[in-house]
N, C-alpha and C. Protein backbone atom coordinates (compact mmCIF):
# COMPACT_ATOMS: atom_id res chain seq x y z
N THR A 1 65.22 111.94 45.64
CA THR A 1 64.41 111.20 44.68
C THR A 1 64.64 109.70 44.76
N SER A 2 65.76 109.29 45.31
CA SER A 2 66.01 107.85 45.39
C SER A 2 65.20 107.24 46.52
N ALA A 3 65.13 105.93 46.55
CA ALA A 3 64.35 105.24 47.58
C ALA A 3 64.94 105.41 48.97
N THR A 4 66.22 105.74 49.07
CA THR A 4 66.87 105.88 50.37
C THR A 4 67.02 107.33 50.82
N ALA A 5 66.66 108.29 49.98
CA ALA A 5 66.82 109.71 50.31
C ALA A 5 65.76 110.16 51.31
N ILE A 6 66.13 111.13 52.13
CA ILE A 6 65.19 111.74 53.05
C ILE A 6 65.09 113.22 52.74
N ALA A 7 64.02 113.85 53.17
CA ALA A 7 63.84 115.28 52.93
C ALA A 7 64.81 116.06 53.82
N PRO A 8 65.54 117.03 53.27
CA PRO A 8 66.47 117.81 54.07
C PRO A 8 65.75 118.65 55.13
N LEU A 9 66.32 118.66 56.33
CA LEU A 9 65.79 119.47 57.43
C LEU A 9 66.75 120.56 57.83
N GLY A 10 68.03 120.40 57.52
CA GLY A 10 69.03 121.37 57.92
C GLY A 10 70.37 121.02 57.29
N VAL A 11 71.36 121.84 57.60
CA VAL A 11 72.72 121.63 57.10
C VAL A 11 73.57 121.16 58.28
N LEU A 12 74.19 120.00 58.14
CA LEU A 12 75.04 119.48 59.20
C LEU A 12 76.21 120.41 59.47
N ILE A 13 76.54 120.57 60.72
CA ILE A 13 77.65 121.42 61.12
C ILE A 13 78.97 120.67 61.05
N THR A 14 78.94 119.38 61.28
CA THR A 14 80.15 118.55 61.25
C THR A 14 79.90 117.32 60.39
N PRO A 15 80.95 116.72 59.84
CA PRO A 15 80.78 115.47 59.09
C PRO A 15 80.31 114.35 60.02
N VAL A 16 79.50 113.45 59.51
CA VAL A 16 79.05 112.30 60.30
C VAL A 16 79.14 111.04 59.45
N ASN A 17 79.26 109.92 60.12
CA ASN A 17 79.20 108.61 59.48
C ASN A 17 77.85 108.00 59.83
N THR A 18 77.26 107.33 58.88
CA THR A 18 75.98 106.68 59.14
C THR A 18 76.15 105.18 59.04
N GLY A 19 75.24 104.46 59.62
CA GLY A 19 75.28 103.02 59.58
C GLY A 19 75.17 102.44 60.97
N ALA A 20 75.25 101.14 61.06
CA ALA A 20 75.11 100.44 62.33
C ALA A 20 76.16 100.91 63.33
N GLY A 21 75.71 101.23 64.53
CA GLY A 21 76.61 101.63 65.59
C GLY A 21 77.11 103.06 65.52
N GLN A 22 76.65 103.83 64.53
CA GLN A 22 77.08 105.21 64.39
C GLN A 22 76.12 106.14 65.13
N THR A 23 76.54 107.37 65.29
CA THR A 23 75.72 108.35 65.99
C THR A 23 74.41 108.62 65.24
N THR A 24 73.34 108.83 65.96
CA THR A 24 72.04 109.09 65.33
C THR A 24 71.63 110.55 65.49
N ARG A 25 72.44 111.34 66.18
CA ARG A 25 72.13 112.75 66.39
C ARG A 25 73.35 113.60 66.04
N ALA A 26 73.07 114.76 65.46
CA ALA A 26 74.16 115.67 65.11
C ALA A 26 73.62 117.09 65.06
N PRO A 27 74.44 118.09 65.38
CA PRO A 27 73.98 119.47 65.32
C PRO A 27 73.81 119.92 63.87
N ILE A 28 72.78 120.75 63.63
CA ILE A 28 72.50 121.26 62.29
C ILE A 28 72.17 122.74 62.35
N TYR A 29 72.38 123.40 61.21
CA TYR A 29 71.86 124.75 61.01
C TYR A 29 70.45 124.58 60.45
N ARG A 30 69.48 125.29 61.01
CA ARG A 30 68.11 125.24 60.52
C ARG A 30 67.73 126.51 59.79
N ALA A 31 68.63 127.48 59.74
CA ALA A 31 68.37 128.73 59.04
C ALA A 31 69.69 129.28 58.50
N GLY A 32 69.61 130.01 57.41
CA GLY A 32 70.78 130.66 56.85
C GLY A 32 70.79 130.62 55.34
N ASN A 33 71.73 131.35 54.77
CA ASN A 33 71.95 131.36 53.33
C ASN A 33 73.24 130.61 53.06
N PHE A 34 73.20 129.63 52.17
CA PHE A 34 74.35 128.78 51.91
C PHE A 34 74.70 128.76 50.43
N ASN A 35 76.00 128.82 50.15
CA ASN A 35 76.51 128.67 48.80
C ASN A 35 76.52 127.18 48.48
N PRO A 36 75.85 126.74 47.42
CA PRO A 36 75.79 125.30 47.12
C PRO A 36 77.17 124.68 46.88
N ALA A 37 78.13 125.49 46.45
CA ALA A 37 79.48 124.95 46.21
C ALA A 37 80.19 124.62 47.51
N GLY A 38 79.72 125.17 48.63
CA GLY A 38 80.35 124.91 49.91
C GLY A 38 79.74 123.77 50.68
N LEU A 39 78.76 123.09 50.10
CA LEU A 39 78.08 121.99 50.77
C LEU A 39 78.37 120.68 50.06
N ILE A 40 78.27 119.58 50.79
CA ILE A 40 78.39 118.24 50.19
C ILE A 40 76.97 117.72 50.03
N TRP A 41 76.62 117.33 48.83
CA TRP A 41 75.25 116.95 48.49
C TRP A 41 75.12 115.45 48.27
N HIS A 42 73.93 114.93 48.57
CA HIS A 42 73.57 113.56 48.20
C HIS A 42 73.55 113.49 46.68
N ALA A 43 73.83 112.34 46.11
CA ALA A 43 73.90 112.17 44.66
C ALA A 43 72.61 112.55 43.95
N ASP A 44 71.46 112.50 44.64
CA ASP A 44 70.19 112.89 44.02
C ASP A 44 70.16 114.36 43.63
N TYR A 45 70.94 115.18 44.30
CA TYR A 45 70.97 116.62 44.01
C TYR A 45 72.08 116.90 43.01
N ASP A 46 71.81 116.51 41.76
CA ASP A 46 72.84 116.55 40.73
C ASP A 46 72.75 117.75 39.79
N THR A 47 71.84 118.68 40.05
CA THR A 47 71.75 119.90 39.24
C THR A 47 71.63 121.11 40.16
N ASP A 48 71.97 122.28 39.62
CA ASP A 48 71.84 123.51 40.40
C ASP A 48 70.39 123.76 40.79
N ALA A 49 69.44 123.42 39.92
CA ALA A 49 68.02 123.63 40.22
C ALA A 49 67.57 122.77 41.40
N LYS A 50 68.02 121.52 41.45
CA LYS A 50 67.66 120.64 42.57
C LYS A 50 68.26 121.14 43.87
N LYS A 51 69.49 121.63 43.81
CA LYS A 51 70.13 122.16 45.02
C LYS A 51 69.41 123.41 45.51
N ALA A 52 69.04 124.30 44.59
CA ALA A 52 68.35 125.52 44.97
C ALA A 52 66.99 125.23 45.60
N ALA A 53 66.35 124.14 45.19
CA ALA A 53 65.03 123.79 45.69
C ALA A 53 65.05 122.81 46.86
N ALA A 54 66.22 122.41 47.29
CA ALA A 54 66.36 121.33 48.28
C ALA A 54 65.57 121.56 49.57
N PHE A 55 65.51 122.78 50.05
CA PHE A 55 64.87 123.04 51.34
C PHE A 55 63.48 123.66 51.22
N ARG A 56 63.00 123.83 50.00
CA ARG A 56 61.63 124.35 49.81
C ARG A 56 60.64 123.34 50.35
N GLY A 57 59.74 123.81 51.18
CA GLY A 57 58.74 122.93 51.76
C GLY A 57 59.22 122.19 53.00
N ALA A 58 60.44 122.50 53.46
CA ALA A 58 60.94 121.87 54.69
C ALA A 58 60.08 122.30 55.87
N PRO A 59 59.92 121.43 56.86
CA PRO A 59 59.06 121.78 58.00
C PRO A 59 59.63 122.92 58.83
N THR A 60 58.75 123.67 59.44
CA THR A 60 59.13 124.76 60.34
C THR A 60 59.89 124.16 61.52
N PRO A 61 60.96 124.75 61.99
CA PRO A 61 61.46 126.11 61.76
C PRO A 61 62.56 126.21 60.73
N THR A 62 62.73 125.24 59.85
CA THR A 62 63.79 125.31 58.84
C THR A 62 63.54 126.48 57.90
N ASN A 63 64.56 127.31 57.73
CA ASN A 63 64.50 128.48 56.85
C ASN A 63 65.88 128.62 56.18
N ILE A 64 66.14 127.74 55.24
CA ILE A 64 67.44 127.71 54.57
C ILE A 64 67.27 128.09 53.11
N MET A 65 68.16 128.99 52.65
CA MET A 65 68.19 129.38 51.25
C MET A 65 69.53 128.90 50.67
N VAL A 66 69.47 128.38 49.48
CA VAL A 66 70.68 127.92 48.78
C VAL A 66 70.79 128.75 47.51
N ARG A 67 71.88 129.50 47.41
CA ARG A 67 72.09 130.28 46.19
C ARG A 67 73.58 130.53 45.99
N LYS A 68 73.93 130.64 44.73
CA LYS A 68 75.34 130.85 44.39
C LYS A 68 75.79 132.23 44.85
N ARG A 69 77.04 132.27 45.22
CA ARG A 69 77.65 133.53 45.66
C ARG A 69 77.79 134.46 44.48
N LEU A 70 77.49 135.71 44.70
CA LEU A 70 77.60 136.70 43.62
C LEU A 70 79.00 137.19 43.46
């Protein structure tokens, strides 16, 4: 929702640093079920509802579901 946020396309497999001179490519998961507590979120995703909806409408072939572990 912020001016600097981008639409999620996948879940990063490794931590990355962004900014000048940093890597611009990184491996991601484009499908899977993820526990929101196991992910690091941008500050815009500050509620469980926002996290659950984060990947809805993501472009194909992204197929990621976010839900709490039972």
